[in-house]
Amino acid sequence: MKVLLMCAGGYTTSALMAKMQKFAEEGDVIDAKGAASFSAEVDNYDVFLVGPQVRHLYKKIEAEAYSKGKAVGQIDPRQYALMDGEAMMKQAQAIQKDMMKAKDEIDNTEFVGESSLVKITMKGTKEVTKVEITAEDSLEKEDIEMLEDMIVVAINDANKKIDKMTEQKMSKFGNIPGLF
């Protein structure tokens, strides 16, 4: 797990970072930086803990972190004042666990979109799993089933092409919040 502690300049959270490292598991990374560096760092960490002195930025940080599938939480001012590294490490682990549980729940949920003659079922991952077309007198049952399967394949293929082009075109801009 990679954790970034954020405060105004990263100096005070550096002391907390050192205490947290005593309770980190092997391979965990814990860093401390100023909140101004968040957008440049959002892709590099799994969990972001926002210090009390920058809590006014929490909603902005939370929105950007969640849009990237990252976990975020606020550092309890009391634990911050006590420099309780163990409590902070437990908080980071709990936040990440809760975030992963919520993501799994969304990914494994099926969503159904409907219009007059078409019903589409998608996973939370946006993968289309089923297309249903209401039979019209002019269409045979076998034709409808084949058409439904072809639509599923075509939608998923288009989504992959969109993702590929978005990555190719937008990667040259770096990490600009809200751009893609």
Protein backbone atom coordinates (compact mmCIF):
# COMPACT_ATOMS: atom_id res chain seq x y z
CA MET A 1 0.00 0.00 0.00
CA LYS A 2 1.27 3.45 -0.88
CA VAL A 3 0.10 6.22 1.45
CA LEU A 4 0.54 9.97 1.03
CA LEU A 5 0.07 12.20 4.07
CA MET A 6 -0.77 15.79 3.14
CA CYS A 7 -0.51 18.99 5.10
CA ALA A 8 0.29 22.58 4.19
CA GLY A 9 3.93 21.94 3.28
CA GLY A 10 4.59 18.32 4.17
CA TYR A 11 6.83 19.17 7.11
CA THR A 12 4.57 18.33 10.04
CA THR A 13 3.25 15.20 8.41
CA SER A 14 6.86 14.06 7.95
CA ALA A 15 7.06 13.41 11.69
CA LEU A 16 3.83 11.41 11.57
CA MET A 17 5.13 9.56 8.50
CA ALA A 18 8.19 8.40 10.44
CA LYS A 19 5.97 7.05 13.22
CA MET A 20 3.66 5.30 10.77
CA GLN A 21 6.57 3.55 9.09
CA LYS A 22 7.19 1.63 12.32
CA PHE A 23 3.78 -0.03 11.84
CA ALA A 24 3.88 -0.44 8.07
CA GLU A 25 4.00 -3.84 6.44
CA GLU A 26 6.88 -4.84 4.22
CA GLY A 27 6.55 -3.13 0.85
CA ASP A 28 4.34 -0.31 2.15
CA VAL A 29 5.36 3.19 1.14
CA ILE A 30 4.47 6.18 3.29
CA ASP A 31 5.31 9.71 2.17
CA ALA A 32 4.45 13.20 3.32
CA LYS A 33 4.01 16.20 1.02
CA GLY A 34 2.20 19.47 0.79
CA ALA A 35 -1.38 19.33 -0.44
CA ALA A 36 -0.43 21.54 -3.40
CA SER A 37 1.35 18.52 -4.92
CA PHE A 38 -1.73 16.29 -4.78
CA SER A 39 -2.74 16.49 -8.46
CA ALA A 40 0.78 15.63 -9.57
CA GLU A 41 0.87 12.66 -7.15
CA VAL A 42 -2.63 11.20 -7.40
CA ASP A 43 -1.60 8.36 -9.71
CA ASN A 44 1.36 7.38 -7.51
CA TYR A 45 -0.47 6.45 -4.29
CA ASP A 46 -3.33 4.22 -3.13
CA VAL A 47 -4.44 6.15 -0.03
CA PHE A 48 -4.37 9.87 0.74
CA LEU A 49 -4.68 11.18 4.30
CA VAL A 50 -5.44 14.89 4.59
CA GLY A 51 -4.03 16.73 7.60
CA PRO A 52 -6.12 19.03 9.79
CA GLN A 53 -4.42 22.22 8.54
CA VAL A 54 -5.61 21.57 4.96
CA ARG A 55 -9.01 20.06 5.71
CA HIS A 56 -10.60 22.90 3.71
CA LEU A 57 -9.17 21.15 0.59
CA TYR A 58 -10.63 17.75 1.49
CA LYS A 59 -13.68 17.81 -0.82
CA LYS A 60 -11.56 18.79 -3.83
CA ILE A 61 -8.97 16.11 -3.04
CA GLU A 62 -11.69 13.55 -2.37
CA ALA A 63 -13.42 14.19 -5.72
CA GLU A 64 -10.21 13.84 -7.72
CA ALA A 65 -9.01 10.81 -5.76
CA TYR A 66 -12.34 8.98 -6.12
CA SER A 67 -12.43 9.72 -9.86
CA LYS A 68 -9.14 7.80 -10.10
CA GLY A 69 -10.28 4.95 -7.85
CA LYS A 70 -8.12 6.08 -4.93
CA ALA A 71 -8.98 6.07 -1.24
CA VAL A 72 -8.93 9.26 0.84
CA GLY A 73 -9.57 10.19 4.45
CA GLN A 74 -9.05 12.96 6.96
CA ILE A 75 -6.48 12.68 9.70
CA ASP A 76 -8.16 12.95 13.08
CA PRO A 77 -6.79 16.16 14.72
CA ARG A 78 -6.34 14.37 18.06
CA GLN A 79 -4.32 11.54 16.51
CA TYR A 80 -2.38 14.10 14.53
CA ALA A 81 -1.51 16.07 17.67
CA LEU A 82 -0.43 12.86 19.43
CA MET A 83 1.52 11.72 16.34
CA ASP A 84 -0.13 8.30 16.74
CA GLY A 85 1.54 6.36 13.92
CA GLU A 86 -0.17 3.08 14.74
CA ALA A 87 -3.67 4.60 14.66
CA MET A 88 -2.89 6.40 11.41
CA MET A 89 -1.61 3.21 9.78
CA LYS A 90 -4.76 1.37 10.85
CA GLN A 91 -6.86 4.22 9.44
CA ALA A 92 -5.06 4.05 6.09
CA GLN A 93 -5.54 0.27 5.91
CA ALA A 94 -9.23 0.55 6.81
CA ILE A 95 -9.84 3.26 4.22
CA GLN A 96 -8.19 1.22 1.50
CA LYS A 97 -10.09 -1.93 2.50
CA ASP A 98 -13.43 -0.07 2.48
CA MET A 99 -12.66 1.52 -0.89
CA MET A 100 -11.76 -1.84 -2.45
CA LYS A 101 -14.93 -3.41 -1.03
CA ALA A 102 -17.07 -0.63 -2.52
CA LYS A 103 -15.30 -0.92 -5.89
CA ASP A 104 -15.80 -4.70 -5.95
CA GLU A 105 -19.48 -4.21 -5.13
CA ILE A 106 -19.90 -1.75 -8.01
CA ASP A 107 -17.88 -3.93 -10.41
CA ASN A 108 -20.01 -6.98 -9.61
CA THR A 109 -23.37 -5.22 -9.83
CA GLU A 110 -25.39 -5.44 -13.03
CA PHE A 111 -27.05 -2.26 -14.29
CA VAL A 112 -29.88 -2.26 -16.82
CA GLY A 113 -30.59 0.54 -19.27
CA GLU A 114 -33.79 0.54 -21.28
CA SER A 115 -35.37 2.34 -24.20
CA SER A 116 -38.49 1.51 -26.18
CA LEU A 117 -37.27 -1.67 -27.95
CA VAL A 118 -33.85 -2.27 -26.39
CA LYS A 119 -32.65 -3.34 -22.95
CA ILE A 120 -28.88 -3.40 -22.19
CA THR A 121 -27.28 -5.03 -19.14
CA MET A 122 -23.81 -3.89 -18.06
CA LYS A 123 -21.44 -4.73 -15.24
CA GLY A 124 -20.16 -1.94 -13.02
CA THR A 125 -16.95 -2.19 -15.06
CA LYS A 126 -19.02 -0.88 -18.01
CA GLU A 127 -18.73 -4.20 -19.83
CA VAL A 128 -21.93 -4.96 -21.71
CA THR A 129 -23.10 -8.46 -20.83
CA LYS A 130 -26.49 -8.65 -22.50
CA VAL A 131 -28.58 -6.87 -25.10
CA GLU A 132 -32.27 -7.63 -25.50
CA ILE A 133 -34.34 -6.45 -28.42
CA THR A 134 -38.12 -6.60 -28.22
CA ALA A 135 -39.45 -8.73 -31.09
CA GLU A 136 -41.15 -6.96 -33.94
CA ASP A 137 -43.30 -8.80 -36.45
CA SER A 138 -40.66 -8.29 -39.15
CA LEU A 139 -37.80 -9.96 -37.20
CA GLU A 140 -37.30 -13.69 -36.61
CA LYS A 141 -36.35 -14.88 -33.09
CA GLU A 142 -32.96 -16.24 -34.31
CA ASP A 143 -32.19 -12.94 -36.07
CA ILE A 144 -32.88 -11.01 -32.85
CA GLU A 145 -30.58 -13.28 -30.78
CA MET A 146 -27.74 -12.94 -33.30
CA LEU A 147 -28.24 -9.17 -33.49
CA GLU A 148 -28.19 -8.93 -29.66
CA ASP A 149 -24.84 -10.78 -29.50
CA MET A 150 -23.37 -8.64 -32.27
CA ILE A 151 -24.39 -5.45 -30.45
CA VAL A 152 -22.67 -6.63 -27.23
CA VAL A 153 -19.43 -7.31 -29.10
CA ALA A 154 -19.59 -4.02 -31.01
CA ILE A 155 -20.23 -1.89 -27.90
CA ASN A 156 -17.39 -3.51 -25.97
CA ASP A 157 -15.05 -3.16 -28.97
CA ALA A 158 -15.92 0.55 -29.27
CA ASN A 159 -15.28 1.06 -25.53
CA LYS A 160 -11.81 -0.51 -25.89
CA LYS A 161 -11.00 1.74 -28.86
CA ILE A 162 -12.16 4.82 -26.93
CA ASP A 163 -9.93 3.87 -23.97
CA LYS A 164 -6.94 3.28 -26.26
CA MET A 165 -7.32 6.57 -28.13
CA THR A 166 -7.96 8.50 -24.93
CA GLU A 167 -4.74 7.13 -23.45
CA GLN A 168 -2.76 7.90 -26.62
CA LYS A 169 -4.07 11.43 -27.11
CA MET A 170 -4.28 12.56 -23.48
CA SER A 171 -1.08 11.06 -22.07
CA LYS A 172 0.96 13.86 -23.65
CA PHE A 173 -0.77 16.34 -21.36
CA GLY A 174 0.29 14.57 -18.16
CA ASN A 175 -2.01 14.58 -15.19
CA ILE A 176 -4.31 17.58 -15.63
CA PRO A 177 -7.24 17.28 -13.19
CA GLY A 178 -10.65 16.88 -14.78
CA LEU A 179 -9.26 16.58 -18.29
CA PHE A 180 -10.05 12.88 -18.71
